[in-house]
């Protein structure tokens, strides 16, 4: 593997880790997963994906039971 390829791979993983750490969903991984495991299912657009993940994370804006 060339130095350029290793640096590129490192940077991609660092960006992915950073996004996960701050709660930004990884759309590219979602698309790859859908194509590999759910070929007949429609893939959400980035906006749909982001909104769905935000809704799952924050729900209706309230946290806790009350």
Protein backbone atom coordinates (compact mmCIF):
# COMPACT_ATOMS: atom_id res chain seq x y z
CA UNK A 1 0.00 0.00 0.00
CA UNK A 2 1.41 3.39 -0.94
CA UNK A 3 1.93 6.21 1.51
CA UNK A 4 -0.83 8.19 -0.20
CA UNK A 5 -3.29 5.30 0.15
CA UNK A 6 -2.41 4.82 3.82
CA UNK A 7 -2.84 8.52 4.57
CA UNK A 8 -6.12 8.60 2.67
CA UNK A 9 -7.40 5.60 4.62
CA UNK A 10 -6.25 7.11 7.91
CA UNK A 11 -7.97 10.43 7.13
CA UNK A 12 -11.23 8.69 6.14
CA UNK A 13 -11.25 6.72 9.42
CA UNK A 14 -10.40 9.85 11.45
CA UNK A 15 -13.27 11.79 9.88
CA UNK A 16 -15.64 8.88 10.47
CA UNK A 17 -14.57 8.65 14.12
CA UNK A 18 -14.97 12.40 14.60
CA UNK A 19 -18.45 12.37 13.11
CA UNK A 20 -19.53 9.48 15.30
CA UNK A 21 -18.09 11.22 18.37
CA UNK A 22 -20.22 14.32 17.82
CA UNK A 23 -23.29 12.41 16.69
CA UNK A 24 -23.26 13.03 12.93
CA UNK A 25 -24.57 9.89 11.22
CA UNK A 26 -22.43 8.19 8.56
CA UNK A 27 -24.47 8.27 5.35
CA UNK A 28 -21.81 6.56 3.22
CA UNK A 29 -21.79 3.50 5.50
CA UNK A 30 -25.59 3.45 5.45
CA UNK A 31 -25.65 3.46 1.63
CA UNK A 32 -22.99 0.73 1.40
CA UNK A 33 -24.91 -1.41 3.91
CA UNK A 34 -28.22 -0.96 2.09
CA UNK A 35 -26.70 -1.87 -1.27
CA UNK A 36 -24.92 -4.92 0.13
CA UNK A 37 -27.69 -6.32 2.34
CA UNK A 38 -31.00 -4.81 1.18
CA UNK A 39 -30.63 -4.54 -2.61
CA UNK A 40 -34.37 -4.28 -3.31
CA UNK A 41 -35.02 -1.54 -0.74
CA UNK A 42 -35.04 2.16 -1.58
CA UNK A 43 -32.07 4.08 -0.15
CA UNK A 44 -33.04 7.27 1.69
CA UNK A 45 -31.67 10.58 0.50
CA UNK A 46 -29.11 12.25 2.77
CA UNK A 47 -31.78 14.65 4.06
CA UNK A 48 -34.18 11.78 4.84
CA UNK A 49 -31.40 9.79 6.50
CA UNK A 50 -30.24 12.74 8.60
CA UNK A 51 -33.79 13.59 9.71
CA UNK A 52 -34.51 9.95 10.59
CA UNK A 53 -31.33 9.70 12.68
CA UNK A 54 -32.04 13.01 14.43
CA UNK A 55 -35.54 11.83 15.25
CA UNK A 56 -34.19 8.56 16.66
CA UNK A 57 -31.59 10.38 18.72
CA UNK A 58 -33.69 13.25 20.06
CA UNK A 59 -37.27 12.09 19.53
CA UNK A 60 -39.70 14.89 20.21
CA UNK A 61 -37.05 17.00 21.94
CA UNK A 62 -37.82 15.76 25.43
CA UNK A 63 -35.58 13.45 27.39
CA UNK A 64 -36.37 11.36 30.43
CA UNK A 65 -39.78 10.23 31.56
CA UNK A 66 -41.44 13.55 32.37
